[in-house]
Each structure stands twice: as C-alpha cells, then as structure tokens.
Amino acid sequence: MNRVIALLAGILFGMGMVVSQMVDPAKVMGFLNITGNWDPSLALVMGGALLVFTPCYHLFIKPRQTAISGEVMKVPTKMTIDKPLIIGASLFGLGWGLAGICPGPALTALVTGQQEILLFLAAMAGGQLLVIGWSKLRVRAMQRASS
C-alpha cells in the first residue's frame, strides 16, 4: 500500500512539474534572469505549491510521530552552517543557474528524451560517483592517520 501511495504521489508530482513547465530549462532560465527579461510564472507555481503544502504540513504531517509506513519520523537536529553545506549549496546553485535544470525536474523531464536532460543526468551521476569516491578516500586517510 505504501508503495502505491508513493507511486501516485510521484506521478502527481511529475505531472505538476510538466504542466507548470518546471522541466523546461528555458522557462527556468527566464525565472532566474532577475536583471533581464524576468519570467515570474515559476514563482507563482512555487507559491501555489506552498499554499497547498503549508496547511497540510501543519495539520497532518507535523503532529505525527510516525510516517504512513510506520517508521519514526526524525527531524534533523544539526543547525550549523558548515563548509560542506556552503560548498554543496554553491555547487547546486551554480549548476542550476548555468544549466537551468534542477535534479527533480530533470528526472521528470526524462520522458521528453531531450539530449541535454540525458547529458545533465549523466553528469549528475558522474558527480555523485566522484563525491562517493572522494569521501571513501578521505575516510581511509583519516583511518590511517588515527592508526
């Protein structure tokens, strides 16, 4: 049952992304171009999403102790802004600003078969593999240093 709910939620999310044109890099670039020919339509999409999500969050999600699956819901407690957070957020923003493609909409846009989306997702996967490899090297180096 939980998988069916997740599937339906994903389909609904994807349809919303396609209908609102959030999967179109040109539309996103128009939204990000605040000093030029700015297109505010995606701000309206985000605002509409918040109008639906905010009351639902406060009424149904926040009071719960467990998820629909029965798992305990854990709210992150780390509140510090550290170097990895700043670097990661900067890289994400730089990539989004340069390409006009965000990872979530890119996955949704896979159905379009656009080459730029496929290239973006390949580059994103490559970047993830590089970070995983780099993290493993750092852990090994720290283990050697502590031995």
C-alpha atoms as a PDB file:
ATOM      1  CA  MET A   1       0.000   0.000   0.000  1.00  0.00           C
ATOM      2  CA  ASN A   2       2.834   2.412   0.876  1.00  0.00           C
ATOM      3  CA  ARG A   3       4.470   1.837  -2.498  1.00  0.00           C
ATOM      4  CA  VAL A   4       1.207   2.576  -4.289  1.00  0.00           C
ATOM      5  CA  ILE A   5       0.864   5.842  -2.361  1.00  0.00           C
ATOM      6  CA  ALA A   6       4.486   6.741  -3.167  1.00  0.00           C
ATOM      7  CA  LEU A   7       3.936   5.893  -6.846  1.00  0.00           C
ATOM      8  CA  LEU A   8       0.773   8.001  -7.043  1.00  0.00           C
ATOM      9  CA  ALA A   9       2.469  10.902  -5.253  1.00  0.00           C
ATOM     10  CA  GLY A  10       5.417  10.690  -7.650  1.00  0.00           C
ATOM     11  CA  ILE A  11       3.151  10.621 -10.691  1.00  0.00           C
ATOM     12  CA  LEU A  12       1.173  13.595  -9.377  1.00  0.00           C
ATOM     13  CA  PHE A  13       4.409  15.499  -8.664  1.00  0.00           C
ATOM     14  CA  GLY A  14       5.798  14.710 -12.116  1.00  0.00           C
ATOM     15  CA  MET A  15       2.573  15.772 -13.824  1.00  0.00           C
ATOM     16  CA  GLY A  16       2.643  19.037 -11.886  1.00  0.00           C
ATOM     17  CA  MET A  17       6.241  19.659 -12.958  1.00  0.00           C
ATOM     18  CA  VAL A  18       5.407  19.047 -16.610  1.00  0.00           C
ATOM     19  CA  VAL A  19       2.169  21.079 -16.619  1.00  0.00           C
ATOM     20  CA  SER A  20       3.865  24.035 -14.873  1.00  0.00           C
ATOM     21  CA  GLN A  21       6.795  23.800 -17.334  1.00  0.00           C
ATOM     22  CA  MET A  22       9.320  23.481 -14.497  1.00  0.00           C
ATOM     23  CA  VAL A  23      11.063  20.830 -16.601  1.00  0.00           C
ATOM     24  CA  ASP A  24      11.794  23.347 -19.372  1.00  0.00           C
ATOM     25  CA  PRO A  25      15.319  24.771 -18.913  1.00  0.00           C
ATOM     26  CA  ALA A  26      14.401  27.890 -20.931  1.00  0.00           C
ATOM     27  CA  LYS A  27      11.497  28.582 -18.553  1.00  0.00           C
ATOM     28  CA  VAL A  28      13.753  28.130 -15.519  1.00  0.00           C
ATOM     29  CA  MET A  29      16.431  30.387 -17.011  1.00  0.00           C
ATOM     30  CA  GLY A  30      13.750  33.045 -17.584  1.00  0.00           C
ATOM     31  CA  PHE A  31      12.801  32.779 -13.922  1.00  0.00           C
ATOM     32  CA  LEU A  32      16.426  33.028 -12.764  1.00  0.00           C
ATOM     33  CA  ASN A  33      17.125  36.053 -15.002  1.00  0.00           C
ATOM     34  CA  ILE A  34      16.039  38.689 -12.467  1.00  0.00           C
ATOM     35  CA  THR A  35      18.063  41.501 -14.084  1.00  0.00           C
ATOM     36  CA  GLY A  36      16.813  40.905 -17.631  1.00  0.00           C
ATOM     37  CA  ASN A  37      13.562  39.634 -19.095  1.00  0.00           C
ATOM     38  CA  TRP A  38      12.332  38.024 -15.853  1.00  0.00           C
ATOM     39  CA  ASP A  39       9.548  35.424 -16.058  1.00  0.00           C
ATOM     40  CA  PRO A  40       7.743  35.329 -12.680  1.00  0.00           C
ATOM     41  CA  SER A  41       5.453  32.412 -13.599  1.00  0.00           C
ATOM     42  CA  LEU A  42       7.512  29.812 -11.717  1.00  0.00           C
ATOM     43  CA  ALA A  43       7.271  31.964  -8.575  1.00  0.00           C
ATOM     44  CA  LEU A  44       3.501  31.621  -8.906  1.00  0.00           C
ATOM     45  CA  VAL A  45       3.867  27.840  -9.262  1.00  0.00           C
ATOM     46  CA  MET A  46       6.030  27.681  -6.131  1.00  0.00           C
ATOM     47  CA  GLY A  47       3.657  29.990  -4.259  1.00  0.00           C
ATOM     48  CA  GLY A  48       0.693  27.821  -5.237  1.00  0.00           C
ATOM     49  CA  ALA A  49       2.536  24.723  -4.047  1.00  0.00           C
ATOM     50  CA  LEU A  50       3.246  26.397  -0.705  1.00  0.00           C
ATOM     51  CA  LEU A  51      -0.404  27.413  -0.346  1.00  0.00           C
ATOM     52  CA  VAL A  52      -1.384  23.747  -0.588  1.00  0.00           C
ATOM     53  CA  PHE A  53       1.554  22.252   1.320  1.00  0.00           C
ATOM     54  CA  THR A  54       1.764  24.605   4.316  1.00  0.00           C
ATOM     55  CA  PRO A  55      -1.643  23.918   5.872  1.00  0.00           C
ATOM     56  CA  CYS A  56      -1.341  20.200   5.066  1.00  0.00           C
ATOM     57  CA  TYR A  57       2.062  20.093   6.753  1.00  0.00           C
ATOM     58  CA  HIS A  58       0.845  21.800   9.928  1.00  0.00           C
ATOM     59  CA  LEU A  59      -2.410  19.835  10.103  1.00  0.00           C
ATOM     60  CA  PHE A  60      -1.332  16.344   9.060  1.00  0.00           C
ATOM     61  CA  ILE A  61       2.443  15.893   8.928  1.00  0.00           C
ATOM     62  CA  LYS A  62       3.957  17.883  11.786  1.00  0.00           C
ATOM     63  CA  PRO A  63       1.775  16.389  14.567  1.00  0.00           C
ATOM     64  CA  ARG A  64       2.610  12.795  13.531  1.00  0.00           C
ATOM     65  CA  GLN A  65       5.218  10.740  15.355  1.00  0.00           C
ATOM     66  CA  THR A  66       5.421   8.122  12.603  1.00  0.00           C
ATOM     67  CA  ALA A  67       5.252   8.133   8.827  1.00  0.00           C
ATOM     68  CA  ILE A  68       2.480   6.329   6.932  1.00  0.00           C
ATOM     69  CA  SER A  69       4.885   3.380   6.680  1.00  0.00           C
ATOM     70  CA  GLY A  70       5.142   3.236  10.478  1.00  0.00           C
ATOM     71  CA  GLU A  71       8.752   4.458  10.578  1.00  0.00           C
ATOM     72  CA  VAL A  72       9.643   7.002  13.245  1.00  0.00           C
ATOM     73  CA  MET A  73       9.932  10.471  11.714  1.00  0.00           C
ATOM     74  CA  LYS A  74      13.240  12.125  12.503  1.00  0.00           C
ATOM     75  CA  VAL A  75      13.735  15.848  12.168  1.00  0.00           C
ATOM     76  CA  PRO A  76      17.352  16.851  11.559  1.00  0.00           C
ATOM     77  CA  THR A  77      18.875  18.471  14.626  1.00  0.00           C
ATOM     78  CA  LYS A  78      22.073  19.807  13.066  1.00  0.00           C
ATOM     79  CA  MET A  79      21.642  23.570  12.785  1.00  0.00           C
ATOM     80  CA  THR A  80      25.199  24.662  11.978  1.00  0.00           C
ATOM     81  CA  ILE A  81      26.200  26.091   8.644  1.00  0.00           C
ATOM     82  CA  ASP A  82      29.478  24.381   7.844  1.00  0.00           C
ATOM     83  CA  LYS A  83      31.908  24.243   4.935  1.00  0.00           C
ATOM     84  CA  PRO A  84      30.371  21.145   3.235  1.00  0.00           C
ATOM     85  CA  LEU A  85      26.918  22.763   3.342  1.00  0.00           C
ATOM     86  CA  ILE A  86      28.180  26.012   1.802  1.00  0.00           C
ATOM     87  CA  ILE A  87      30.184  24.202  -0.886  1.00  0.00           C
ATOM     88  CA  GLY A  88      27.316  21.837  -1.728  1.00  0.00           C
ATOM     89  CA  ALA A  89      24.724  24.615  -1.877  1.00  0.00           C
ATOM     90  CA  SER A  90      27.046  26.733  -4.024  1.00  0.00           C
ATOM     91  CA  LEU A  91      27.679  23.892  -6.468  1.00  0.00           C
ATOM     92  CA  PHE A  92      23.959  23.134  -6.664  1.00  0.00           C
ATOM     93  CA  GLY A  93      23.089  26.797  -7.292  1.00  0.00           C
ATOM     94  CA  LEU A  94      25.877  27.203  -9.827  1.00  0.00           C
ATOM     95  CA  GLY A  95      24.753  24.119 -11.744  1.00  0.00           C
ATOM     96  CA  TRP A  96      21.114  25.197 -11.645  1.00  0.00           C
ATOM     97  CA  GLY A  97      21.950  28.710 -12.780  1.00  0.00           C
ATOM     98  CA  LEU A  98      24.225  27.581 -15.609  1.00  0.00           C
ATOM     99  CA  ALA A  99      22.040  24.793 -16.970  1.00  0.00           C
ATOM    100  CA  GLY A 100      18.555  25.863 -15.849  1.00  0.00           C
ATOM    101  CA  ILE A 101      17.983  22.275 -14.799  1.00  0.00           C
ATOM    102  CA  CYS A 102      17.263  21.064 -11.262  1.00  0.00           C
ATOM    103  CA  PRO A 103      17.677  17.350 -10.375  1.00  0.00           C
ATOM    104  CA  GLY A 104      13.997  16.713  -9.559  1.00  0.00           C
ATOM    105  CA  PRO A 105      12.594  18.261 -12.733  1.00  0.00           C
ATOM    106  CA  ALA A 106      15.416  16.624 -14.723  1.00  0.00           C
ATOM    107  CA  LEU A 107      14.208  13.188 -13.660  1.00  0.00           C
ATOM    108  CA  THR A 108      10.678  14.176 -14.619  1.00  0.00           C
ATOM    109  CA  ALA A 109      11.921  15.537 -17.968  1.00  0.00           C
ATOM    110  CA  LEU A 110      13.440  12.160 -18.847  1.00  0.00           C
ATOM    111  CA  VAL A 111      10.179  11.361 -20.607  1.00  0.00           C
ATOM    112  CA  THR A 112      10.945  14.111 -23.146  1.00  0.00           C
ATOM    113  CA  GLY A 113      14.102  12.317 -24.324  1.00  0.00           C
ATOM    114  CA  GLN A 114      15.949  15.630 -24.720  1.00  0.00           C
ATOM    115  CA  GLN A 115      19.696  15.143 -25.132  1.00  0.00           C
ATOM    116  CA  GLU A 116      20.530  17.970 -22.732  1.00  0.00           C
ATOM    117  CA  ILE A 117      18.490  16.289 -19.982  1.00  0.00           C
ATOM    118  CA  LEU A 118      20.240  12.961 -20.573  1.00  0.00           C
ATOM    119  CA  LEU A 119      23.626  14.705 -20.533  1.00  0.00           C
ATOM    120  CA  PHE A 120      22.728  16.576 -17.349  1.00  0.00           C
ATOM    121  CA  LEU A 121      21.666  13.383 -15.578  1.00  0.00           C
ATOM    122  CA  ALA A 122      24.832  11.577 -16.732  1.00  0.00           C
ATOM    123  CA  ALA A 123      26.956  14.455 -15.425  1.00  0.00           C
ATOM    124  CA  MET A 124      24.990  14.492 -12.161  1.00  0.00           C
ATOM    125  CA  ALA A 125      25.525  10.735 -11.708  1.00  0.00           C
ATOM    126  CA  GLY A 126      29.224  11.172 -12.517  1.00  0.00           C
ATOM    127  CA  GLY A 127      29.490  13.922  -9.924  1.00  0.00           C
ATOM    128  CA  GLN A 128      27.821  11.722  -7.325  1.00  0.00           C
ATOM    129  CA  LEU A 129      30.257   8.890  -8.071  1.00  0.00           C
ATOM    130  CA  LEU A 130      33.200  11.308  -7.733  1.00  0.00           C
ATOM    131  CA  VAL A 131      31.950  12.518  -4.357  1.00  0.00           C
ATOM    132  CA  ILE A 132      31.407   8.950  -3.130  1.00  0.00           C
ATOM    133  CA  GLY A 133      34.940   8.010  -4.211  1.00  0.00           C
ATOM    134  CA  TRP A 134      36.421  11.140  -2.663  1.00  0.00           C
ATOM    135  CA  SER A 135      34.566  10.515   0.607  1.00  0.00           C
ATOM    136  CA  LYS A 136      35.877   6.942   0.762  1.00  0.00           C
ATOM    137  CA  LEU A 137      39.428   8.194   0.188  1.00  0.00           C
ATOM    138  CA  ARG A 138      39.028  10.739   2.999  1.00  0.00           C
ATOM    139  CA  VAL A 139      37.720   8.095   5.400  1.00  0.00           C
ATOM    140  CA  ARG A 140      40.652   5.783   4.583  1.00  0.00           C
ATOM    141  CA  ALA A 141      43.126   8.635   5.036  1.00  0.00           C
ATOM    142  CA  MET A 142      41.605   9.510   8.427  1.00  0.00           C
ATOM    143  CA  GLN A 143      41.692   5.840   9.487  1.00  0.00           C
ATOM    144  CA  ARG A 144      45.390   5.597   8.509  1.00  0.00           C
ATOM    145  CA  ALA A 145      46.163   8.831  10.335  1.00  0.00           C
ATOM    146  CA  SER A 146      44.467   7.639  13.519  1.00  0.00           C
ATOM    147  CA  SER A 147      46.258   4.241  13.454  1.00  0.00           C
END
